[in-house]
Amino acid sequence: MNTQLRPALTLFVLLSLVTGLAYPLLVTGVAQTLFPHAANGSLLVDNGKPAGSELIGQSFTDAGHFWSRPSATAPMPYNAANSAGSNLAPTAPALTDAVKVRVEALRAADPGNTTPVPVDLVTASASGLDPHISRAAADYQLARVARVRGLPVERVRALVDQHTEGRWLGFLGEPRVNVLALNLALEHATMTAQ
């Protein structure tokens, strides 16, 4: 029995050290060296303090900010611990009702805007945490944000242009705008304009 127990315990301790200590330290060291921004959560920092991750959306509901996609992570919006889609079919009455309420909220925030509401402003993403909106969704909100902030529309459009990310590898996906990064830039533009 002792002849079997000793090699088993030795192997257990050795593998525990390799897989539980050495490997995680190696991976962490490589990540911190080669990809420090990503390894630390892809944080966006504002005035020396973390404002959030560029990979997880945040809820913005006041008229002076660009609004994010709705989040399906109820009851708290953009709760990363509850990442999931709504799983509602396109013909589900609950989805239709939710979209109607979201369209009404967008129309109430900007009554003069009669252009069609982009679909990503009224439907949640598959993860419920998407930090991006389409360029069309940003353009839809441009006039409202500029008016509420007292900024020229051209200035706000320039901020949207600066924060529009192109297609991945030049051909995959669609151009998109990171809402948190755009709203942080908008805050700074408003402060410098005053």
C-alpha atoms as a PDB file:
ATOM      1  CA  MET A   1       0.000   0.000   0.000  1.00  0.00           C
ATOM      2  CA  ASN A   2       2.808   2.410   0.945  1.00  0.00           C
ATOM      3  CA  THR A   3       4.499   1.747  -2.393  1.00  0.00           C
ATOM      4  CA  GLN A   4       1.410   3.012  -4.217  1.00  0.00           C
ATOM      5  CA  LEU A   5       0.525   5.888  -1.891  1.00  0.00           C
ATOM      6  CA  ARG A   6       3.902   7.634  -1.988  1.00  0.00           C
ATOM      7  CA  PRO A   7       4.123   7.990  -5.821  1.00  0.00           C
ATOM      8  CA  ALA A   8       0.447   9.039  -5.946  1.00  0.00           C
ATOM      9  CA  LEU A   9       0.955  11.786  -3.339  1.00  0.00           C
ATOM     10  CA  THR A  10       4.167  12.915  -5.009  1.00  0.00           C
ATOM     11  CA  LEU A  11       2.431  13.131  -8.368  1.00  0.00           C
ATOM     12  CA  PHE A  12      -0.531  14.940  -6.783  1.00  0.00           C
ATOM     13  CA  VAL A  13       1.723  17.567  -5.169  1.00  0.00           C
ATOM     14  CA  LEU A  14       3.807  17.963  -8.328  1.00  0.00           C
ATOM     15  CA  LEU A  15       0.773  18.381 -10.602  1.00  0.00           C
ATOM     16  CA  SER A  16      -0.855  20.750  -8.087  1.00  0.00           C
ATOM     17  CA  LEU A  17       2.245  22.953  -8.150  1.00  0.00           C
ATOM     18  CA  VAL A  18       2.482  22.872 -11.952  1.00  0.00           C
ATOM     19  CA  THR A  19      -1.194  23.353 -12.806  1.00  0.00           C
ATOM     20  CA  GLY A  20      -2.257  25.347  -9.753  1.00  0.00           C
ATOM     21  CA  LEU A  21       0.729  27.647  -9.306  1.00  0.00           C
ATOM     22  CA  ALA A  22       3.349  27.610 -12.070  1.00  0.00           C
ATOM     23  CA  TYR A  23       0.992  27.610 -15.080  1.00  0.00           C
ATOM     24  CA  PRO A  24      -1.321  30.410 -13.788  1.00  0.00           C
ATOM     25  CA  LEU A  25       1.719  32.538 -12.877  1.00  0.00           C
ATOM     26  CA  LEU A  26       3.234  31.962 -16.323  1.00  0.00           C
ATOM     27  CA  VAL A  27      -0.013  32.831 -18.153  1.00  0.00           C
ATOM     28  CA  THR A  28      -0.571  35.903 -15.969  1.00  0.00           C
ATOM     29  CA  GLY A  29       3.012  37.071 -16.530  1.00  0.00           C
ATOM     30  CA  VAL A  30       2.765  36.645 -20.308  1.00  0.00           C
ATOM     31  CA  ALA A  31      -0.618  38.420 -20.409  1.00  0.00           C
ATOM     32  CA  GLN A  32       0.604  41.317 -18.250  1.00  0.00           C
ATOM     33  CA  THR A  33       3.702  41.676 -20.416  1.00  0.00           C
ATOM     34  CA  LEU A  34       2.171  41.349 -23.888  1.00  0.00           C
ATOM     35  CA  PHE A  35      -1.450  42.492 -23.346  1.00  0.00           C
ATOM     36  CA  PRO A  36      -1.638  44.569 -20.134  1.00  0.00           C
ATOM     37  CA  HIS A  37      -4.759  46.526 -21.153  1.00  0.00           C
ATOM     38  CA  ALA A  38      -6.752  43.384 -21.949  1.00  0.00           C
ATOM     39  CA  ALA A  39      -5.343  41.424 -19.001  1.00  0.00           C
ATOM     40  CA  ASN A  40      -6.563  44.099 -16.619  1.00  0.00           C
ATOM     41  CA  GLY A  41     -10.140  44.132 -17.897  1.00  0.00           C
ATOM     42  CA  SER A  42      -9.881  46.594 -20.822  1.00  0.00           C
ATOM     43  CA  LEU A  43     -10.735  49.428 -18.447  1.00  0.00           C
ATOM     44  CA  LEU A  44     -11.513  52.933 -19.639  1.00  0.00           C
ATOM     45  CA  VAL A  45     -10.034  55.426 -17.183  1.00  0.00           C
ATOM     46  CA  ASP A  46     -11.464  58.904 -16.668  1.00  0.00           C
ATOM     47  CA  ASN A  47      -9.648  61.421 -14.455  1.00  0.00           C
ATOM     48  CA  GLY A  48      -7.487  58.660 -13.001  1.00  0.00           C
ATOM     49  CA  LYS A  49     -10.445  56.468 -12.012  1.00  0.00           C
ATOM     50  CA  PRO A  50     -11.855  53.447 -13.826  1.00  0.00           C
ATOM     51  CA  ALA A  51     -15.118  54.391 -15.562  1.00  0.00           C
ATOM     52  CA  GLY A  52     -15.895  50.873 -16.763  1.00  0.00           C
ATOM     53  CA  SER A  53     -14.744  48.223 -19.167  1.00  0.00           C
ATOM     54  CA  GLU A  54     -14.822  48.844 -22.893  1.00  0.00           C
ATOM     55  CA  LEU A  55     -16.123  45.275 -23.224  1.00  0.00           C
ATOM     56  CA  ILE A  56     -19.260  45.560 -21.036  1.00  0.00           C
ATOM     57  CA  GLY A  57     -22.060  48.013 -21.766  1.00  0.00           C
ATOM     58  CA  GLN A  58     -23.484  50.485 -19.307  1.00  0.00           C
ATOM     59  CA  SER A  59     -26.952  51.917 -19.016  1.00  0.00           C
ATOM     60  CA  PHE A  60     -27.409  55.554 -20.043  1.00  0.00           C
ATOM     61  CA  THR A  61     -30.946  56.934 -19.901  1.00  0.00           C
ATOM     62  CA  ASP A  62     -30.692  60.718 -19.684  1.00  0.00           C
ATOM     63  CA  ALA A  63     -31.199  62.733 -22.860  1.00  0.00           C
ATOM     64  CA  GLY A  64     -27.704  64.250 -22.683  1.00  0.00           C
ATOM     65  CA  HIS A  65     -25.958  60.931 -23.292  1.00  0.00           C
ATOM     66  CA  PHE A  66     -25.942  58.437 -26.112  1.00  0.00           C
ATOM     67  CA  TRP A  67     -28.073  55.488 -25.087  1.00  0.00           C
ATOM     68  CA  SER A  68     -26.807  51.930 -25.191  1.00  0.00           C
ATOM     69  CA  ARG A  69     -28.601  48.874 -26.449  1.00  0.00           C
ATOM     70  CA  PRO A  70     -31.210  47.553 -24.041  1.00  0.00           C
ATOM     71  CA  SER A  71     -29.871  44.833 -21.775  1.00  0.00           C
ATOM     72  CA  ALA A  72     -31.558  41.499 -21.168  1.00  0.00           C
ATOM     73  CA  THR A  73     -29.723  41.076 -17.845  1.00  0.00           C
ATOM     74  CA  ALA A  74     -32.723  41.819 -15.645  1.00  0.00           C
ATOM     75  CA  PRO A  75     -33.337  43.078 -13.061  1.00  0.00           C
ATOM     76  CA  MET A  76     -30.174  45.225 -13.242  1.00  0.00           C
ATOM     77  CA  PRO A  77     -29.103  46.431 -16.686  1.00  0.00           C
ATOM     78  CA  TYR A  78     -25.654  45.302 -17.812  1.00  0.00           C
ATOM     79  CA  ASN A  79     -25.164  42.884 -14.928  1.00  0.00           C
ATOM     80  CA  ALA A  80     -22.163  40.854 -16.099  1.00  0.00           C
ATOM     81  CA  ALA A  81     -22.976  38.095 -13.617  1.00  0.00           C
ATOM     82  CA  ASN A  82     -26.285  37.519 -15.422  1.00  0.00           C
ATOM     83  CA  SER A  83     -25.184  37.518 -19.052  1.00  0.00           C
ATOM     84  CA  ALA A  84     -27.906  36.122 -21.288  1.00  0.00           C
ATOM     85  CA  GLY A  85     -30.213  37.027 -24.102  1.00  0.00           C
ATOM     86  CA  SER A  86     -33.956  37.325 -23.693  1.00  0.00           C
ATOM     87  CA  ASN A  87     -34.566  34.167 -25.755  1.00  0.00           C
ATOM     88  CA  LEU A  88     -37.806  35.701 -27.047  1.00  0.00           C
ATOM     89  CA  ALA A  89     -38.855  34.783 -30.558  1.00  0.00           C
ATOM     90  CA  PRO A  90     -39.299  37.627 -33.054  1.00  0.00           C
ATOM     91  CA  THR A  91     -43.056  37.058 -32.945  1.00  0.00           C
ATOM     92  CA  ALA A  92     -43.295  36.879 -29.133  1.00  0.00           C
ATOM     93  CA  PRO A  93     -45.859  39.358 -27.755  1.00  0.00           C
ATOM     94  CA  ALA A  94     -43.504  40.182 -24.847  1.00  0.00           C
ATOM     95  CA  LEU A  95     -40.767  41.233 -27.287  1.00  0.00           C
ATOM     96  CA  THR A  96     -43.217  43.273 -29.368  1.00  0.00           C
ATOM     97  CA  ASP A  97     -44.464  45.052 -26.222  1.00  0.00           C
ATOM     98  CA  ALA A  98     -40.898  45.725 -24.995  1.00  0.00           C
ATOM     99  CA  VAL A  99     -39.898  47.162 -28.387  1.00  0.00           C
ATOM    100  CA  LYS A 100     -42.965  49.436 -28.406  1.00  0.00           C
ATOM    101  CA  VAL A 101     -42.096  50.764 -24.942  1.00  0.00           C
ATOM    102  CA  ARG A 102     -38.478  51.388 -25.995  1.00  0.00           C
ATOM    103  CA  VAL A 103     -39.530  53.184 -29.188  1.00  0.00           C
ATOM    104  CA  GLU A 104     -41.911  55.368 -27.162  1.00  0.00           C
ATOM    105  CA  ALA A 105     -39.101  56.251 -24.724  1.00  0.00           C
ATOM    106  CA  LEU A 106     -36.801  57.222 -27.617  1.00  0.00           C
ATOM    107  CA  ARG A 107     -39.567  59.294 -29.245  1.00  0.00           C
ATOM    108  CA  ALA A 108     -40.365  61.003 -25.919  1.00  0.00           C
ATOM    109  CA  ALA A 109     -36.696  61.929 -25.418  1.00  0.00           C
ATOM    110  CA  ASP A 110     -36.530  63.461 -28.923  1.00  0.00           C
ATOM    111  CA  PRO A 111     -40.071  64.293 -30.137  1.00  0.00           C
ATOM    112  CA  GLY A 112     -38.881  66.085 -33.272  1.00  0.00           C
ATOM    113  CA  ASN A 113     -36.980  63.066 -34.570  1.00  0.00           C
ATOM    114  CA  THR A 114     -39.228  61.262 -37.054  1.00  0.00           C
ATOM    115  CA  THR A 115     -36.580  59.029 -38.636  1.00  0.00           C
ATOM    116  CA  PRO A 116     -36.964  55.268 -38.158  1.00  0.00           C
ATOM    117  CA  VAL A 117     -35.499  53.985 -34.895  1.00  0.00           C
ATOM    118  CA  PRO A 118     -32.501  51.681 -35.502  1.00  0.00           C
ATOM    119  CA  VAL A 119     -33.221  48.146 -34.395  1.00  0.00           C
ATOM    120  CA  ASP A 120     -30.239  47.932 -32.043  1.00  0.00           C
ATOM    121  CA  LEU A 121     -31.680  50.730 -29.870  1.00  0.00           C
ATOM    122  CA  VAL A 122     -34.775  48.655 -29.106  1.00  0.00           C
ATOM    123  CA  THR A 123     -33.478  45.059 -29.005  1.00  0.00           C
ATOM    124  CA  ALA A 124     -30.950  43.460 -26.674  1.00  0.00           C
ATOM    125  CA  SER A 125     -27.845  41.686 -27.909  1.00  0.00           C
ATOM    126  CA  ALA A 126     -27.324  37.953 -27.457  1.00  0.00           C
ATOM    127  CA  SER A 127     -25.193  38.451 -24.340  1.00  0.00           C
ATOM    128  CA  GLY A 128     -27.191  41.379 -22.993  1.00  0.00           C
ATOM    129  CA  LEU A 129     -23.871  43.148 -22.321  1.00  0.00           C
ATOM    130  CA  ASP A 130     -22.993  44.637 -25.719  1.00  0.00           C
ATOM    131  CA  PRO A 131     -21.026  47.897 -25.245  1.00  0.00           C
ATOM    132  CA  HIS A 132     -21.523  48.984 -28.866  1.00  0.00           C
ATOM    133  CA  ILE A 133     -24.273  50.518 -30.945  1.00  0.00           C
ATOM    134  CA  SER A 134     -24.375  50.792 -34.710  1.00  0.00           C
ATOM    135  CA  ARG A 135     -23.326  53.978 -36.443  1.00  0.00           C
ATOM    136  CA  ALA A 136     -26.995  54.411 -37.439  1.00  0.00           C
ATOM    137  CA  ALA A 137     -28.010  54.278 -33.758  1.00  0.00           C
ATOM    138  CA  ALA A 138     -25.428  56.934 -32.889  1.00  0.00           C
ATOM    139  CA  ASP A 139     -26.536  59.134 -35.802  1.00  0.00           C
ATOM    140  CA  TYR A 140     -30.176  58.763 -34.694  1.00  0.00           C
ATOM    141  CA  GLN A 141     -29.268  60.253 -31.291  1.00  0.00           C
ATOM    142  CA  LEU A 142     -26.896  62.983 -32.548  1.00  0.00           C
ATOM    143  CA  ALA A 143     -29.300  65.930 -32.675  1.00  0.00           C
ATOM    144  CA  ARG A 144     -30.857  65.149 -29.275  1.00  0.00           C
ATOM    145  CA  VAL A 145     -27.502  64.889 -27.510  1.00  0.00           C
ATOM    146  CA  ALA A 146     -26.155  68.045 -29.174  1.00  0.00           C
ATOM    147  CA  ARG A 147     -29.293  70.019 -28.293  1.00  0.00           C
ATOM    148  CA  VAL A 148     -29.384  68.909 -24.643  1.00  0.00           C
ATOM    149  CA  ARG A 149     -25.653  69.508 -24.198  1.00  0.00           C
ATOM    150  CA  GLY A 150     -25.679  72.842 -25.998  1.00  0.00           C
ATOM    151  CA  LEU A 151     -23.002  71.679 -28.416  1.00  0.00           C
ATOM    152  CA  PRO A 152     -22.946  72.147 -32.181  1.00  0.00           C
ATOM    153  CA  VAL A 153     -24.160  69.073 -34.058  1.00  0.00           C
ATOM    154  CA  GLU A 154     -20.916  69.093 -36.075  1.00  0.00           C
ATOM    155  CA  ARG A 155     -18.862  68.815 -32.856  1.00  0.00           C
ATOM    156  CA  VAL A 156     -20.898  65.853 -31.625  1.00  0.00           C
ATOM    157  CA  ARG A 157     -20.739  64.223 -35.082  1.00  0.00           C
ATOM    158  CA  ALA A 158     -16.936  64.613 -34.989  1.00  0.00           C
ATOM    159  CA  LEU A 159     -16.878  62.787 -31.630  1.00  0.00           C
ATOM    160  CA  VAL A 160     -18.989  59.991 -33.091  1.00  0.00           C
ATOM    161  CA  ASP A 161     -16.614  59.802 -36.074  1.00  0.00           C
ATOM    162  CA  GLN A 162     -13.613  59.573 -33.721  1.00  0.00           C
ATOM    163  CA  HIS A 163     -15.223  56.748 -31.741  1.00  0.00           C
ATOM    164  CA  THR A 164     -16.518  54.703 -34.661  1.00  0.00           C
ATOM    165  CA  GLU A 165     -14.644  51.425 -34.916  1.00  0.00           C
ATOM    166  CA  GLY A 166     -14.393  49.921 -38.382  1.00  0.00           C
ATOM    167  CA  ARG A 167     -14.977  46.382 -39.521  1.00  0.00           C
ATOM    168  CA  TRP A 168     -12.716  43.799 -37.928  1.00  0.00           C
ATOM    169  CA  LEU A 169      -9.892  42.900 -40.334  1.00  0.00           C
ATOM    170  CA  GLY A 170     -11.505  45.338 -42.766  1.00  0.00           C
ATOM    171  CA  PHE A 171     -14.389  43.085 -43.779  1.00  0.00           C
ATOM    172  CA  LEU A 172     -15.937  41.313 -40.766  1.00  0.00           C
ATOM    173  CA  GLY A 173     -18.867  42.834 -38.893  1.00  0.00           C
ATOM    174  CA  GLU A 174     -20.256  46.328 -39.140  1.00  0.00           C
ATOM    175  CA  PRO A 175     -18.894  49.706 -38.045  1.00  0.00           C
ATOM    176  CA  ARG A 176     -19.790  50.277 -34.403  1.00  0.00           C
ATOM    177  CA  VAL A 177     -19.515  52.877 -31.658  1.00  0.00           C
ATOM    178  CA  ASN A 178     -18.457  52.123 -28.074  1.00  0.00           C
ATOM    179  CA  VAL A 179     -21.077  54.001 -26.048  1.00  0.00           C
ATOM    180  CA  LEU A 180     -19.056  54.402 -22.841  1.00  0.00           C
ATOM    181  CA  ALA A 181     -15.995  55.755 -24.669  1.00  0.00           C
ATOM    182  CA  LEU A 182     -18.192  58.144 -26.674  1.00  0.00           C
ATOM    183  CA  ASN A 183     -20.032  59.405 -23.588  1.00  0.00           C
ATOM    184  CA  LEU A 184     -16.741  59.982 -21.735  1.00  0.00           C
ATOM    185  CA  ALA A 185     -15.461  62.020 -24.691  1.00  0.00           C
ATOM    186  CA  LEU A 186     -18.763  63.884 -24.738  1.00  0.00           C
ATOM    187  CA  GLU A 187     -18.365  64.798 -21.058  1.00  0.00           C
ATOM    188  CA  HIS A 188     -14.911  66.230 -21.751  1.00  0.00           C
ATOM    189  CA  ALA A 189     -16.168  68.147 -24.820  1.00  0.00           C
ATOM    190  CA  THR A 190     -18.988  69.659 -22.774  1.00  0.00           C
ATOM    191  CA  MET A 191     -16.587  70.741 -20.010  1.00  0.00           C
ATOM    192  CA  THR A 192     -14.205  72.389 -22.466  1.00  0.00           C
ATOM    193  CA  ALA A 193     -17.087  74.167 -24.234  1.00  0.00           C
ATOM    194  CA  GLN A 194     -18.268  75.835 -21.018  1.00  0.00           C
END
